């Protein structure tokens, strides 16, 4: 099912990028996303969005109504957890996670700029599927458990964007995993279960 889902999203992007009819171009838009994640993991014994990572990829928008869009993105996303441990001989605590991520969101737009024909702000909400590409851990309680981390991540996400021009926007997202990254009841009840959170700060260019 995950392969079918990923393939379908990929084919959708190919279709959107290859559309040539003028009417279709008015209804569909493609774009680029680039930014940073600030992430944390509940269950790692530390707090704070201290793990920074890259966040970026492709974006497709289908205009459903005048103020409502369907947005699908295909992103590379670095997440995890970080905590400085100055007196620890093993160094700082790090959990590094690399994902291929596909968010699917609905947006509601407002503040229409008539002279330039675009909406200045939009709120977004939806769900995201992430596939874990690589995981490493250093100086954490889960160092020996990374091979048991869940490769599938299901999340919900909310956020907002401000369009500075018709083509360029800045925005933020808050994303929380629905399922566990590490299921302690399944693998080791002496350890805590892990679940991920992250904030994204991003720029977007819409063609």
Protein backbone atom coordinates (compact mmCIF):
# COMPACT_ATOMS: atom_id res chain seq x y z
CA UNK A 1 0.00 0.00 0.00
CA UNK A 2 2.85 2.41 0.84
CA UNK A 3 4.48 1.77 -2.55
CA UNK A 4 1.20 2.38 -4.33
CA UNK A 5 0.67 5.61 -2.38
CA UNK A 6 4.17 6.90 -3.14
CA UNK A 7 3.90 5.94 -6.81
CA UNK A 8 0.55 7.68 -7.14
CA UNK A 9 1.94 10.88 -5.63
CA UNK A 10 4.95 10.75 -7.93
CA UNK A 11 2.75 10.31 -10.99
CA UNK A 12 0.59 13.22 -9.84
CA UNK A 13 3.64 15.46 -9.71
CA UNK A 14 4.73 14.37 -13.18
CA UNK A 15 1.28 15.15 -14.50
CA UNK A 16 1.16 18.57 -12.85
CA UNK A 17 4.59 19.57 -14.09
CA UNK A 18 3.83 18.46 -17.66
CA UNK A 19 0.44 20.17 -18.08
CA UNK A 20 0.48 22.46 -21.13
CA UNK A 21 -3.11 23.61 -21.66
CA UNK A 22 -3.76 27.19 -20.57
CA UNK A 23 -6.97 26.30 -18.72
CA UNK A 24 -5.23 23.53 -16.77
CA UNK A 25 -2.33 25.84 -15.90
CA UNK A 26 -4.79 28.20 -14.24
CA UNK A 27 -6.12 25.41 -12.06
CA UNK A 28 -2.87 23.66 -11.10
CA UNK A 29 0.37 25.13 -9.83
CA UNK A 30 3.77 23.64 -9.06
CA UNK A 31 6.39 24.98 -6.71
CA UNK A 32 9.51 24.49 -4.61
CA UNK A 33 9.81 24.30 -0.81
CA UNK A 34 12.99 24.99 1.18
CA UNK A 35 13.59 25.49 4.88
CA UNK A 36 14.54 24.07 8.28
CA UNK A 37 13.00 21.72 10.83
CA UNK A 38 13.30 22.17 14.59
CA UNK A 39 12.31 18.83 16.10
CA UNK A 40 12.05 16.87 19.33
CA UNK A 41 11.04 13.36 20.39
CA UNK A 42 8.79 12.64 23.35
CA UNK A 43 10.29 9.81 25.37
CA UNK A 44 13.97 10.72 24.95
CA UNK A 45 14.06 12.19 28.51
CA UNK A 46 14.68 15.74 27.21
CA UNK A 47 12.49 18.67 26.13
CA UNK A 48 12.70 21.41 23.50
CA UNK A 49 12.78 21.66 19.72
CA UNK A 50 16.58 21.57 19.60
CA UNK A 51 17.35 19.26 16.67
CA UNK A 52 17.78 21.29 13.48
CA UNK A 53 17.57 19.73 10.03
CA UNK A 54 16.90 20.44 6.38
CA UNK A 55 13.41 20.46 4.91
CA UNK A 56 12.62 20.85 1.22
CA UNK A 57 11.31 19.46 -2.04
CA UNK A 58 8.47 19.82 -4.53
CA UNK A 59 4.93 21.11 -4.17
CA UNK A 60 1.76 20.77 -6.26
CA UNK A 61 -1.43 22.78 -5.75
CA UNK A 62 -4.89 22.08 -7.16
CA UNK A 63 -7.30 25.01 -6.85
CA UNK A 64 -10.60 23.53 -5.67
CA UNK A 65 -12.51 26.78 -5.06
CA UNK A 66 -11.77 30.49 -5.07
CA UNK A 67 -10.29 30.39 -1.56
CA UNK A 68 -9.55 26.67 -1.08
CA UNK A 69 -6.68 24.56 -2.46
CA UNK A 70 -5.50 20.96 -2.22
CA UNK A 71 -1.74 20.82 -1.63
CA UNK A 72 0.53 17.79 -2.04
CA UNK A 73 4.25 17.95 -1.34
CA UNK A 74 7.16 15.53 -1.77
CA UNK A 75 9.85 16.46 0.74
CA UNK A 76 13.18 15.40 2.17
CA UNK A 77 12.96 15.99 5.93
CA UNK A 78 15.60 15.70 8.68
CA UNK A 79 14.18 15.19 12.17
CA UNK A 80 15.18 13.74 15.51
CA UNK A 81 16.37 14.93 18.89
CA UNK A 82 19.37 16.75 20.33
CA UNK A 83 20.62 17.65 23.79
CA UNK A 84 24.00 19.00 24.89
CA UNK A 85 25.63 16.81 27.58
CA UNK A 86 28.86 18.62 28.52
CA UNK A 87 29.96 16.07 31.13
CA UNK A 88 29.06 12.98 29.14
CA UNK A 89 32.12 11.05 27.86
CA UNK A 90 30.06 9.84 24.87
CA UNK A 91 29.32 13.42 23.81
CA UNK A 92 25.98 15.09 23.10
CA UNK A 93 22.77 13.09 22.79
CA UNK A 94 21.63 12.86 19.17
CA UNK A 95 18.89 10.96 17.37
CA UNK A 96 19.14 11.64 13.65
CA UNK A 97 16.21 10.69 11.42
CA UNK A 98 15.96 11.18 7.66
CA UNK A 99 12.57 10.92 5.97
CA UNK A 100 10.94 11.08 2.58
CA UNK A 101 7.71 12.86 3.44
CA UNK A 102 4.41 13.35 1.56
CA UNK A 103 2.05 15.86 3.22
CA UNK A 104 -1.50 16.20 1.85
CA UNK A 105 -3.22 19.38 3.04
CA UNK A 106 -6.18 21.66 2.48
CA UNK A 107 -5.61 25.41 2.55
CA UNK A 108 -7.96 28.33 3.09
CA UNK A 109 -6.83 31.68 1.63
CA UNK A 110 -7.75 35.28 2.51
CA UNK A 111 -6.66 38.92 2.13
CA UNK A 112 -6.99 39.26 -1.64
CA UNK A 113 -4.57 41.68 -3.35
CA UNK A 114 -6.62 42.78 -6.34
CA UNK A 115 -3.88 44.71 -8.15
CA UNK A 116 -1.64 41.65 -8.37
CA UNK A 117 -4.33 38.94 -8.31
CA UNK A 118 -3.26 36.79 -5.34
CA UNK A 119 -4.26 36.01 -1.75
CA UNK A 120 -1.74 37.18 0.82
CA UNK A 121 -2.34 34.65 3.63
CA UNK A 122 -3.42 31.04 3.91
CA UNK A 123 -4.01 28.53 6.71
CA UNK A 124 -3.29 24.85 6.05
CA UNK A 125 -4.14 21.56 7.78
CA UNK A 126 -3.84 17.93 6.79
CA UNK A 127 -1.99 14.66 7.16
CA UNK A 128 1.45 13.44 6.19
CA UNK A 129 3.08 10.11 5.44
CA UNK A 130 6.81 9.74 6.06
CA UNK A 131 9.14 6.91 5.11
CA UNK A 132 12.23 6.57 7.29
CA UNK A 133 15.33 6.48 5.08
CA UNK A 134 18.03 6.35 7.75
CA UNK A 135 18.23 6.49 11.55
CA UNK A 136 21.19 6.83 13.94
CA UNK A 137 21.44 7.48 17.67
CA UNK A 138 24.34 8.51 19.93
CA UNK A 139 24.34 8.79 23.75
CA UNK A 140 20.61 8.06 23.98
CA UNK A 141 18.79 5.26 25.77
CA UNK A 142 17.75 3.94 22.35
CA UNK A 143 21.17 3.62 20.69
CA UNK A 144 20.83 -0.13 20.20
CA UNK A 145 17.19 0.08 19.11
CA UNK A 146 17.39 2.16 15.92
CA UNK A 147 16.89 -0.89 13.69
CA UNK A 148 13.53 -1.37 15.42
CA UNK A 149 12.33 2.19 14.72
CA UNK A 150 9.09 2.30 12.76
CA UNK A 151 9.87 3.00 9.09
CA UNK A 152 6.36 4.38 8.52
CA UNK A 153 5.35 7.69 10.09
CA UNK A 154 1.75 8.98 10.02
CA UNK A 155 1.31 12.57 11.18
CA UNK A 156 -1.09 15.47 11.24
CA UNK A 157 0.09 18.98 10.41
CA UNK A 158 -1.18 22.56 10.70
CA UNK A 159 0.36 25.85 9.66
CA UNK A 160 0.13 29.20 7.92
CA UNK A 161 1.82 30.99 5.02
CA UNK A 162 2.23 34.64 4.06
CA UNK A 163 2.72 35.45 0.36
CA UNK A 164 5.11 38.36 -0.01
CA UNK A 165 4.51 38.34 -3.77
CA UNK A 166 2.35 36.28 -6.10
CA UNK A 167 5.14 33.71 -6.39
CA UNK A 168 7.09 33.81 -3.11
CA UNK A 169 5.86 32.96 0.40
CA UNK A 170 7.21 32.26 3.87
CA UNK A 171 5.47 30.04 6.39
CA UNK A 172 5.59 27.59 9.24
CA UNK A 173 4.17 24.16 10.10
CA UNK A 174 3.68 22.20 13.30
CA UNK A 175 3.63 18.44 12.80
CA UNK A 176 2.99 15.63 15.30
CA UNK A 177 3.30 11.91 14.65
CA UNK A 178 0.20 9.82 15.25
CA UNK A 179 1.99 6.49 15.58
CA UNK A 180 5.07 5.61 17.64
CA UNK A 181 8.58 5.90 16.26
CA UNK A 182 9.63 3.25 18.79
CA UNK A 183 7.07 0.88 20.25
CA UNK A 184 8.45 -0.04 23.68
CA UNK A 185 5.60 -2.45 24.45
CA UNK A 186 6.55 -4.45 21.39
CA UNK A 187 10.34 -4.33 21.72
CA UNK A 188 11.48 -3.41 25.26
CA UNK A 189 9.16 -2.30 28.06
CA UNK A 190 12.15 -1.08 30.10
CA UNK A 191 12.54 1.79 27.63
CA UNK A 192 10.16 4.64 26.86
CA UNK A 193 8.14 4.74 23.68
CA UNK A 194 9.13 7.47 21.22
CA UNK A 195 6.91 9.84 19.26
CA UNK A 196 8.05 12.73 17.09
CA UNK A 197 7.16 16.41 16.88
CA UNK A 198 8.66 19.12 14.71
CA UNK A 199 8.31 22.73 13.60
CA UNK A 200 9.11 23.70 10.02
CA UNK A 201 10.15 27.18 8.92
CA UNK A 202 10.08 27.43 5.15
CA UNK A 203 10.14 29.50 2.05
CA UNK A 204 8.11 28.60 -1.04
CA UNK A 205 8.35 29.58 -4.67
CA UNK A 206 5.22 28.98 -6.75
CA UNK A 207 5.61 29.01 -10.54
